[in-house]
Amino acid sequence: MRRYWWLFGAIALLAGAYYAIMSGYLTEREIALTLKHGRRQASLGGQYVDLSKLDHAINKHEQRTVTLRSLTPGANADSIAEARSAVRERLEEVEPLLNVSDGGPAYHEAFDRTERFFRLWRPPSMSCLTPKAHAWSTAVFWVSFALAALSGLVRVLAGPED
């Protein structure tokens, strides 16, 4: 068993990567930081840039998960489409007003609505994992991690092989 610590470690690494990608953890952190930054914008142009970053993060998550979703029976991407729809609706409203130089009432109204969007919007969970896939990936990760740690420890404590 002590010879295969690297195999158990590789399995743990793959299971952990699968979970991190499919759970949407990385994307949810990126979205949360962008929303926080968007609340502090002082112009509609700055808000537009942050909305574009949100759209990019959602698209990147969809691209990262497309292959894994095809391998996971029952994986669902409805939350990705819902989040994209909300962000693109905001983008479509803001985009025509970017070149307005007078900052009229439509500009200020769009700025206020976008500021409220950044403050109040709670994105849906970006997780594409089914409950079964979540349980399996978690179990495989922890079991293989424990086996890698134990076999590595046995390898260190047992000394050189004969």
N, C-alpha and C. Protein backbone atom coordinates (compact mmCIF):
# COMPACT_ATOMS: atom_id res chain seq x y z
N MET A 1 0.83 -1.20 0.00
CA MET A 1 0.00 0.00 0.00
C MET A 1 0.87 1.25 0.00
N ARG A 2 2.04 1.17 0.64
CA ARG A 2 2.85 2.37 0.77
C ARG A 2 3.45 2.83 -0.55
N ARG A 3 3.46 1.97 -1.55
CA ARG A 3 3.99 2.35 -2.86
C ARG A 3 2.99 3.18 -3.67
N TYR A 4 1.74 3.14 -3.30
CA TYR A 4 0.70 3.77 -4.12
C TYR A 4 0.15 5.06 -3.54
N TRP A 5 0.89 5.73 -2.68
CA TRP A 5 0.42 6.99 -2.12
C TRP A 5 0.14 8.00 -3.22
N TRP A 6 0.96 8.01 -4.26
CA TRP A 6 0.80 8.96 -5.35
C TRP A 6 -0.49 8.70 -6.14
N LEU A 7 -0.88 7.43 -6.28
CA LEU A 7 -2.11 7.10 -6.98
C LEU A 7 -3.33 7.60 -6.20
N PHE A 8 -3.32 7.35 -4.89
CA PHE A 8 -4.42 7.85 -4.06
C PHE A 8 -4.46 9.38 -4.07
N GLY A 9 -3.29 9.99 -4.06
CA GLY A 9 -3.22 11.47 -4.12
C GLY A 9 -3.75 12.01 -5.43
N ALA A 10 -3.44 11.33 -6.53
CA ALA A 10 -3.94 11.76 -7.84
C ALA A 10 -5.46 11.63 -7.91
N ILE A 11 -6.00 10.54 -7.36
CA ILE A 11 -7.46 10.36 -7.35
C ILE A 11 -8.11 11.46 -6.51
N ALA A 12 -7.51 11.76 -5.36
CA ALA A 12 -8.04 12.84 -4.50
C ALA A 12 -8.00 14.18 -5.23
N LEU A 13 -6.92 14.42 -5.93
CA LEU A 13 -6.78 15.67 -6.68
C LEU A 13 -7.84 15.79 -7.78
N LEU A 14 -8.06 14.70 -8.51
CA LEU A 14 -9.08 14.71 -9.57
C LEU A 14 -10.49 14.89 -9.00
N ALA A 15 -10.79 14.19 -7.91
CA ALA A 15 -12.11 14.33 -7.28
C ALA A 15 -12.31 15.74 -6.74
N GLY A 16 -11.28 16.30 -6.17
CA GLY A 16 -11.36 17.68 -5.66
C GLY A 16 -11.54 18.69 -6.78
N ALA A 17 -10.83 18.49 -7.88
CA ALA A 17 -10.97 19.40 -9.03
C ALA A 17 -12.37 19.29 -9.63
N TYR A 18 -12.88 18.07 -9.75
CA TYR A 18 -14.24 17.86 -10.26
C TYR A 18 -15.25 18.62 -9.39
N TYR A 19 -15.12 18.47 -8.08
CA TYR A 19 -16.05 19.14 -7.17
C TYR A 19 -15.92 20.66 -7.27
N ALA A 20 -14.70 21.17 -7.28
CA ALA A 20 -14.50 22.62 -7.32
C ALA A 20 -15.07 23.23 -8.60
N ILE A 21 -14.92 22.53 -9.71
CA ILE A 21 -15.43 23.06 -10.98
C ILE A 21 -16.95 22.95 -11.05
N MET A 22 -17.46 21.76 -10.77
CA MET A 22 -18.90 21.53 -10.93
C MET A 22 -19.74 22.21 -9.86
N SER A 23 -19.19 22.43 -8.68
CA SER A 23 -19.97 23.08 -7.63
C SER A 23 -20.13 24.56 -7.89
N GLY A 24 -19.30 25.12 -8.75
CA GLY A 24 -19.38 26.53 -9.05
C GLY A 24 -18.75 27.41 -7.99
N TYR A 25 -17.98 26.81 -7.10
CA TYR A 25 -17.38 27.56 -6.00
C TYR A 25 -16.53 28.72 -6.52
N LEU A 26 -15.68 28.44 -7.47
CA LEU A 26 -14.80 29.49 -8.00
C LEU A 26 -15.59 30.61 -8.66
N THR A 27 -16.61 30.25 -9.41
CA THR A 27 -17.44 31.24 -10.09
C THR A 27 -18.25 32.06 -9.09
N GLU A 28 -18.78 31.42 -8.07
CA GLU A 28 -19.55 32.15 -7.06
C GLU A 28 -18.68 33.16 -6.33
N ARG A 29 -17.41 32.83 -6.06
CA ARG A 29 -16.50 33.79 -5.42
C ARG A 29 -16.24 34.97 -6.36
N GLU A 30 -16.01 34.66 -7.63
CA GLU A 30 -15.75 35.72 -8.61
C GLU A 30 -16.97 36.64 -8.76
N ILE A 31 -18.16 36.06 -8.79
CA ILE A 31 -19.38 36.85 -8.90
C ILE A 31 -19.56 37.72 -7.66
N ALA A 32 -19.33 37.16 -6.48
CA ALA A 32 -19.49 37.93 -5.24
C ALA A 32 -18.53 39.12 -5.21
N LEU A 33 -17.29 38.91 -5.62
CA LEU A 33 -16.32 40.02 -5.64
C LEU A 33 -16.69 41.08 -6.67
N THR A 34 -17.18 40.65 -7.81
CA THR A 34 -17.57 41.61 -8.85
C THR A 34 -18.79 42.41 -8.42
N LEU A 35 -19.75 41.77 -7.77
CA LEU A 35 -20.92 42.49 -7.26
C LEU A 35 -20.50 43.52 -6.21
N LYS A 36 -19.60 43.14 -5.35
CA LYS A 36 -19.10 44.06 -4.32
C LYS A 36 -18.40 45.26 -4.97
N HIS A 37 -17.60 44.98 -6.00
CA HIS A 37 -16.91 46.06 -6.70
C HIS A 37 -17.91 46.95 -7.45
N GLY A 38 -18.91 46.34 -8.04
CA GLY A 38 -19.90 47.09 -8.81
C GLY A 38 -20.70 48.06 -7.96
N ARG A 39 -20.89 47.75 -6.68
CA ARG A 39 -21.62 48.67 -5.78
C ARG A 39 -20.88 49.97 -5.57
N ARG A 40 -19.55 49.95 -5.75
CA ARG A 40 -18.74 51.14 -5.49
C ARG A 40 -18.48 51.98 -6.73
N GLN A 41 -19.02 51.58 -7.87
CA GLN A 41 -18.77 52.32 -9.11
C GLN A 41 -19.48 53.67 -9.09
N ALA A 42 -18.80 54.68 -9.61
CA ALA A 42 -19.36 56.03 -9.60
C ALA A 42 -19.89 56.44 -10.97
N SER A 43 -19.76 55.58 -11.96
CA SER A 43 -20.25 55.92 -13.29
C SER A 43 -20.92 54.72 -13.93
N LEU A 44 -21.75 55.00 -14.91
CA LEU A 44 -22.43 53.94 -15.63
C LEU A 44 -21.43 53.11 -16.44
N GLY A 45 -20.38 53.75 -16.91
CA GLY A 45 -19.35 53.03 -17.65
C GLY A 45 -18.65 51.99 -16.77
N GLY A 46 -18.34 52.39 -15.53
CA GLY A 46 -17.74 51.45 -14.59
C GLY A 46 -18.68 50.30 -14.26
N GLN A 47 -19.95 50.61 -14.13
CA GLN A 47 -20.94 49.56 -13.87
C GLN A 47 -21.03 48.61 -15.06
N TYR A 48 -20.95 49.16 -16.26
CA TYR A 48 -20.99 48.34 -17.46
C TYR A 48 -19.82 47.37 -17.51
N VAL A 49 -18.65 47.85 -17.12
CA VAL A 49 -17.47 46.98 -17.10
C VAL A 49 -17.69 45.84 -16.11
N ASP A 50 -18.23 46.13 -14.94
CA ASP A 50 -18.48 45.07 -13.95
C ASP A 50 -19.58 44.12 -14.41
N LEU A 51 -20.59 44.63 -15.09
CA LEU A 51 -21.61 43.75 -15.65
C LEU A 51 -21.00 42.82 -16.70
N SER A 52 -20.09 43.36 -17.49
CA SER A 52 -19.40 42.53 -18.49
C SER A 52 -18.55 41.46 -17.82
N LYS A 53 -17.93 41.81 -16.69
CA LYS A 53 -17.15 40.82 -15.94
C LYS A 53 -18.06 39.71 -15.40
N LEU A 54 -19.25 40.08 -14.94
CA LEU A 54 -20.21 39.07 -14.48
C LEU A 54 -20.58 38.13 -15.62
N ASP A 55 -20.89 38.72 -16.77
CA ASP A 55 -21.26 37.91 -17.94
C ASP A 55 -20.12 36.98 -18.33
N HIS A 56 -18.91 37.50 -18.30
CA HIS A 56 -17.73 36.70 -18.65
C HIS A 56 -17.54 35.55 -17.65
N ALA A 57 -17.73 35.81 -16.36
CA ALA A 57 -17.58 34.77 -15.34
C ALA A 57 -18.61 33.66 -15.53
N ILE A 58 -19.83 34.03 -15.86
CA ILE A 58 -20.89 33.05 -16.08
C ILE A 58 -20.58 32.21 -17.32
N ASN A 59 -20.14 32.87 -18.39
CA ASN A 59 -19.77 32.14 -19.62
C ASN A 59 -18.59 31.20 -19.39
N LYS A 60 -17.60 31.67 -18.63
CA LYS A 60 -16.43 30.86 -18.34
C LYS A 60 -16.83 29.62 -17.53
N HIS A 61 -17.76 29.80 -16.58
CA HIS A 61 -18.23 28.65 -15.79
C HIS A 61 -18.94 27.64 -16.69
N GLU A 62 -19.75 28.14 -17.60
CA GLU A 62 -20.46 27.23 -18.50
C GLU A 62 -19.47 26.46 -19.37
N GLN A 63 -18.45 27.14 -19.88
CA GLN A 63 -17.45 26.49 -20.71
C GLN A 63 -16.64 25.46 -19.92
N ARG A 64 -16.33 25.78 -18.66
CA ARG A 64 -15.56 24.85 -17.83
C ARG A 64 -16.36 23.58 -17.53
N THR A 65 -17.68 23.73 -17.39
CA THR A 65 -18.48 22.59 -16.95
C THR A 65 -19.14 21.81 -18.08
N VAL A 66 -19.05 22.27 -19.30
CA VAL A 66 -19.79 21.63 -20.38
C VAL A 66 -19.40 20.16 -20.56
N THR A 67 -18.14 19.84 -20.52
CA THR A 67 -17.72 18.44 -20.69
C THR A 67 -18.09 17.61 -19.48
N LEU A 68 -17.85 18.16 -18.29
CA LEU A 68 -18.18 17.41 -17.08
C LEU A 68 -19.68 17.20 -16.93
N ARG A 69 -20.48 18.18 -17.38
CA ARG A 69 -21.94 18.01 -17.33
C ARG A 69 -22.39 16.89 -18.26
N SER A 70 -21.71 16.75 -19.40
CA SER A 70 -22.09 15.68 -20.32
C SER A 70 -21.74 14.30 -19.75
N LEU A 71 -20.76 14.25 -18.85
CA LEU A 71 -20.37 12.99 -18.22
C LEU A 71 -21.16 12.70 -16.95
N THR A 72 -21.89 13.69 -16.44
CA THR A 72 -22.64 13.54 -15.19
C THR A 72 -24.13 13.44 -15.52
N PRO A 73 -24.72 12.27 -15.34
CA PRO A 73 -26.16 12.13 -15.63
C PRO A 73 -27.00 13.04 -14.73
N GLY A 74 -27.91 13.77 -15.34
CA GLY A 74 -28.81 14.64 -14.59
C GLY A 74 -28.23 15.99 -14.22
N ALA A 75 -27.03 16.31 -14.67
CA ALA A 75 -26.44 17.62 -14.37
C ALA A 75 -27.30 18.70 -15.00
N ASN A 76 -27.48 19.78 -14.28
CA ASN A 76 -28.42 20.81 -14.68
C ASN A 76 -27.70 22.15 -14.82
N ALA A 77 -27.98 22.87 -15.89
CA ALA A 77 -27.37 24.17 -16.12
C ALA A 77 -28.41 25.29 -16.13
N ASP A 78 -29.59 25.05 -15.57
CA ASP A 78 -30.64 26.07 -15.58
C ASP A 78 -30.23 27.32 -14.81
N SER A 79 -29.50 27.15 -13.72
CA SER A 79 -29.09 28.31 -12.93
C SER A 79 -28.11 29.18 -13.71
N ILE A 80 -27.31 28.58 -14.56
CA ILE A 80 -26.38 29.36 -15.39
C ILE A 80 -27.17 30.22 -16.37
N ALA A 81 -28.17 29.63 -17.00
CA ALA A 81 -29.00 30.39 -17.95
C ALA A 81 -29.77 31.49 -17.24
N GLU A 82 -30.26 31.22 -16.04
CA GLU A 82 -31.01 32.23 -15.28
C GLU A 82 -30.11 33.42 -14.92
N ALA A 83 -28.90 33.13 -14.46
CA ALA A 83 -27.97 34.20 -14.10
C ALA A 83 -27.56 35.00 -15.33
N ARG A 84 -27.28 34.30 -16.43
CA ARG A 84 -26.89 34.98 -17.67
C ARG A 84 -28.01 35.91 -18.14
N SER A 85 -29.23 35.45 -18.05
CA SER A 85 -30.38 36.24 -18.49
C SER A 85 -30.49 37.54 -17.69
N ALA A 86 -30.34 37.45 -16.38
CA ALA A 86 -30.43 38.64 -15.53
C ALA A 86 -29.33 39.64 -15.84
N VAL A 87 -28.12 39.16 -16.03
CA VAL A 87 -26.99 40.05 -16.31
C VAL A 87 -27.11 40.66 -17.70
N ARG A 88 -27.49 39.87 -18.68
CA ARG A 88 -27.61 40.40 -20.05
C ARG A 88 -28.73 41.41 -20.17
N GLU A 89 -29.80 41.24 -19.41
CA GLU A 89 -30.88 42.22 -19.40
C GLU A 89 -30.35 43.57 -18.94
N ARG A 90 -29.54 43.57 -17.90
CA ARG A 90 -28.91 44.81 -17.41
C ARG A 90 -27.98 45.39 -18.47
N LEU A 91 -27.16 44.52 -19.09
CA LEU A 91 -26.21 44.98 -20.10
C LEU A 91 -26.92 45.65 -21.27
N GLU A 92 -28.03 45.06 -21.71
CA GLU A 92 -28.78 45.62 -22.83
C GLU A 92 -29.38 46.97 -22.50
N GLU A 93 -29.73 47.19 -21.24
CA GLU A 93 -30.29 48.48 -20.85
C GLU A 93 -29.19 49.54 -20.76
N VAL A 94 -28.03 49.16 -20.28
CA VAL A 94 -26.95 50.12 -20.03
C VAL A 94 -26.19 50.47 -21.30
N GLU A 95 -25.98 49.52 -22.18
CA GLU A 95 -25.12 49.72 -23.35
C GLU A 95 -25.49 50.94 -24.21
N PRO A 96 -26.77 51.17 -24.55
CA PRO A 96 -27.07 52.33 -25.39
C PRO A 96 -26.80 53.68 -24.71
N LEU A 97 -26.72 53.68 -23.39
CA LEU A 97 -26.54 54.94 -22.67
C LEU A 97 -25.08 55.27 -22.38
N LEU A 98 -24.17 54.42 -22.79
CA LEU A 98 -22.76 54.65 -22.50
C LEU A 98 -22.20 55.87 -23.19
N ASN A 99 -22.67 56.16 -24.39
CA ASN A 99 -22.13 57.29 -25.16
C ASN A 99 -22.90 58.59 -24.95
N VAL A 100 -23.85 58.59 -24.03
CA VAL A 100 -24.60 59.81 -23.73
C VAL A 100 -23.72 60.72 -22.90
N SER A 101 -23.49 61.92 -23.40
CA SER A 101 -22.57 62.83 -22.71
C SER A 101 -23.28 63.77 -21.74
N ASP A 102 -24.58 64.01 -21.94
CA ASP A 102 -25.26 64.99 -21.08
C ASP A 102 -25.67 64.42 -19.73
N GLY A 103 -25.73 63.10 -19.58
CA GLY A 103 -26.10 62.49 -18.30
C GLY A 103 -27.52 62.85 -17.91
N GLY A 104 -28.43 62.71 -18.84
CA GLY A 104 -29.82 63.07 -18.60
C GLY A 104 -30.53 62.11 -17.65
N PRO A 105 -31.85 62.27 -17.56
CA PRO A 105 -32.62 61.44 -16.61
C PRO A 105 -32.55 59.94 -16.93
N ALA A 106 -32.50 59.57 -18.19
CA ALA A 106 -32.41 58.15 -18.54
C ALA A 106 -31.09 57.57 -18.05
N TYR A 107 -30.03 58.37 -18.17
CA TYR A 107 -28.71 57.93 -17.70
C TYR A 107 -28.71 57.69 -16.20
N HIS A 108 -29.25 58.67 -15.46
CA HIS A 108 -29.28 58.55 -14.00
C HIS A 108 -30.21 57.43 -13.53
N GLU A 109 -31.30 57.26 -14.23
CA GLU A 109 -32.23 56.19 -13.89
C GLU A 109 -31.58 54.82 -14.13
N ALA A 110 -30.87 54.67 -15.24
CA ALA A 110 -30.17 53.41 -15.53
C ALA A 110 -29.07 53.18 -14.50
N PHE A 111 -28.36 54.23 -14.13
CA PHE A 111 -27.31 54.11 -13.11
C PHE A 111 -27.91 53.62 -11.79
N ASP A 112 -29.04 54.22 -11.38
CA ASP A 112 -29.68 53.82 -10.12
C ASP A 112 -30.18 52.38 -10.17
N ARG A 113 -30.79 51.98 -11.28
CA ARG A 113 -31.28 50.61 -11.40
C ARG A 113 -30.12 49.61 -11.39
N THR A 114 -29.03 49.97 -12.04
CA THR A 114 -27.88 49.07 -12.07
C THR A 114 -27.23 49.00 -10.68
N GLU A 115 -27.20 50.12 -9.98
CA GLU A 115 -26.66 50.12 -8.62
C GLU A 115 -27.51 49.24 -7.71
N ARG A 116 -28.84 49.31 -7.87
CA ARG A 116 -29.74 48.43 -7.10
C ARG A 116 -29.52 46.97 -7.47
N PHE A 117 -29.28 46.73 -8.75
CA PHE A 117 -29.00 45.36 -9.20
C PHE A 117 -27.77 44.82 -8.49
N PHE A 118 -26.70 45.58 -8.44
CA PHE A 118 -25.49 45.13 -7.77
C PHE A 118 -25.72 44.93 -6.27
N ARG A 119 -26.56 45.74 -5.70
CA ARG A 119 -26.81 45.65 -4.26
C ARG A 119 -27.77 44.52 -3.90
N LEU A 120 -28.79 44.30 -4.71
CA LEU A 120 -29.87 43.39 -4.33
C LEU A 120 -29.86 42.02 -5.03
N TRP A 121 -29.19 41.90 -6.15
CA TRP A 121 -29.25 40.65 -6.91
C TRP A 121 -28.52 39.54 -6.17
N ARG A 122 -29.20 38.46 -5.99
CA ARG A 122 -28.61 37.26 -5.40
C ARG A 122 -28.58 36.19 -6.49
N PRO A 123 -27.40 35.93 -7.03
CA PRO A 123 -27.31 34.97 -8.12
C PRO A 123 -27.72 33.58 -7.66
N PRO A 124 -28.31 32.80 -8.55
CA PRO A 124 -28.64 31.42 -8.19
C PRO A 124 -27.35 30.62 -8.00
N SER A 125 -27.48 29.51 -7.36
CA SER A 125 -26.33 28.64 -7.16
C SER A 125 -25.78 28.21 -8.52
N MET A 126 -24.50 28.30 -8.67
CA MET A 126 -23.86 27.92 -9.92
C MET A 126 -23.52 26.43 -9.97
N SER A 127 -23.95 25.68 -8.98
CA SER A 127 -23.63 24.26 -8.91
C SER A 127 -24.37 23.48 -10.00
N CYS A 128 -23.64 22.63 -10.67
CA CYS A 128 -24.21 21.74 -11.69
C CYS A 128 -24.26 20.31 -11.17
N LEU A 129 -23.94 20.12 -9.91
CA LEU A 129 -23.89 18.78 -9.32
C LEU A 129 -25.28 18.30 -8.91
N THR A 130 -25.55 17.06 -9.21
CA THR A 130 -26.75 16.41 -8.68
C THR A 130 -26.40 15.97 -7.25
N PRO A 131 -27.39 15.72 -6.41
CA PRO A 131 -27.07 15.24 -5.06
C PRO A 131 -26.21 13.98 -5.06
N LYS A 132 -26.49 13.08 -5.99
CA LYS A 132 -25.71 11.84 -6.08
C LYS A 132 -24.26 12.14 -6.47
N ALA A 133 -24.05 13.00 -7.46
CA ALA A 133 -22.69 13.35 -7.88
C ALA A 133 -21.95 14.08 -6.77
N HIS A 134 -22.67 14.92 -6.03
CA HIS A 134 -22.06 15.63 -4.90
C HIS A 134 -21.58 14.63 -3.85
N ALA A 135 -22.43 13.68 -3.51
CA ALA A 135 -22.07 12.68 -2.50
C ALA A 135 -20.89 11.82 -2.96
N TRP A 136 -20.93 11.38 -4.20
CA TRP A 136 -19.85 10.53 -4.71
C TRP A 136 -18.52 11.27 -4.79
N SER A 137 -18.54 12.49 -5.29
CA SER A 137 -17.28 13.22 -5.41
C SER A 137 -16.70 13.54 -4.04
N THR A 138 -17.56 13.85 -3.09
CA THR A 138 -17.08 14.12 -1.73
C THR A 138 -16.51 12.86 -1.10
N ALA A 139 -17.21 11.75 -1.24
CA ALA A 139 -16.74 10.49 -0.66
C ALA A 139 -15.43 10.03 -1.30
N VAL A 140 -15.35 10.09 -2.61
CA VAL A 140 -14.12 9.67 -3.30
C VAL A 140 -12.96 10.55 -2.88
N PHE A 141 -13.21 11.87 -2.77
CA PHE A 141 -12.13 12.77 -2.36
C PHE A 141 -11.61 12.41 -0.98
N TRP A 142 -12.50 12.32 0.00
CA TRP A 142 -12.04 12.10 1.38
C TRP A 142 -11.43 10.73 1.58
N VAL A 143 -11.99 9.72 0.96
CA VAL A 143 -11.42 8.37 1.11
C VAL A 143 -10.04 8.31 0.46
N SER A 144 -9.92 8.80 -0.75
CA SER A 144 -8.61 8.76 -1.43
C SER A 144 -7.60 9.68 -0.74
N PHE A 145 -8.04 10.80 -0.21
CA PHE A 145 -7.15 11.69 0.53
C PHE A 145 -6.63 11.00 1.79
N ALA A 146 -7.53 10.33 2.51
CA ALA A 146 -7.13 9.62 3.72
C ALA A 146 -6.17 8.48 3.38
N LEU A 147 -6.45 7.73 2.32
CA LEU A 147 -5.56 6.64 1.92
C LEU A 147 -4.20 7.18 1.49
N ALA A 148 -4.17 8.30 0.78
CA ALA A 148 -2.90 8.89 0.36
C ALA A 148 -2.10 9.34 1.58
N ALA A 149 -2.78 9.97 2.53
CA ALA A 149 -2.09 10.43 3.73
C ALA A 149 -1.57 9.25 4.55
N LEU A 150 -2.39 8.23 4.73
CA LEU A 150 -1.97 7.07 5.50
C LEU A 150 -0.83 6.31 4.82
N SER A 151 -0.94 6.10 3.53
CA SER A 151 0.12 5.37 2.83
C SER A 151 1.41 6.20 2.79
N GLY A 152 1.29 7.48 2.68
CA GLY A 152 2.48 8.33 2.73
C GLY A 152 3.12 8.32 4.10
N LEU A 153 2.28 8.31 5.13
CA LEU A 153 2.80 8.25 6.49
C LEU A 153 3.47 6.90 6.76
N VAL A 154 2.85 5.82 6.30
CA VAL A 154 3.46 4.49 6.45
C VAL A 154 4.79 4.45 5.72
N ARG A 155 4.85 5.04 4.56
CA ARG A 155 6.07 5.07 3.76
C ARG A 155 7.19 5.78 4.52
N VAL A 156 6.86 6.90 5.16
CA VAL A 156 7.85 7.67 5.89
C VAL A 156 8.29 6.94 7.16
N LEU A 157 7.33 6.41 7.90
CA LEU A 157 7.64 5.77 9.19
C LEU A 157 8.27 4.39 9.03
N ALA A 158 7.99 3.68 7.95
CA ALA A 158 8.51 2.34 7.78
C ALA A 158 9.98 2.33 7.35
N GLY A 159 10.44 3.41 6.86
CA GLY A 159 11.85 3.45 6.44
C GLY A 159 12.01 2.94 5.01
N PRO A 160 13.24 2.71 4.61
CA PRO A 160 13.50 2.28 3.23
C PRO A 160 12.96 0.87 2.98
N GLU A 161 12.57 0.66 1.71
CA GLU A 161 12.08 -0.65 1.32
C GLU A 161 13.25 -1.60 1.16
N ASP A 162 12.99 -2.85 1.45
CA ASP A 162 14.07 -3.87 1.33
C ASP A 162 14.16 -4.43 -0.04
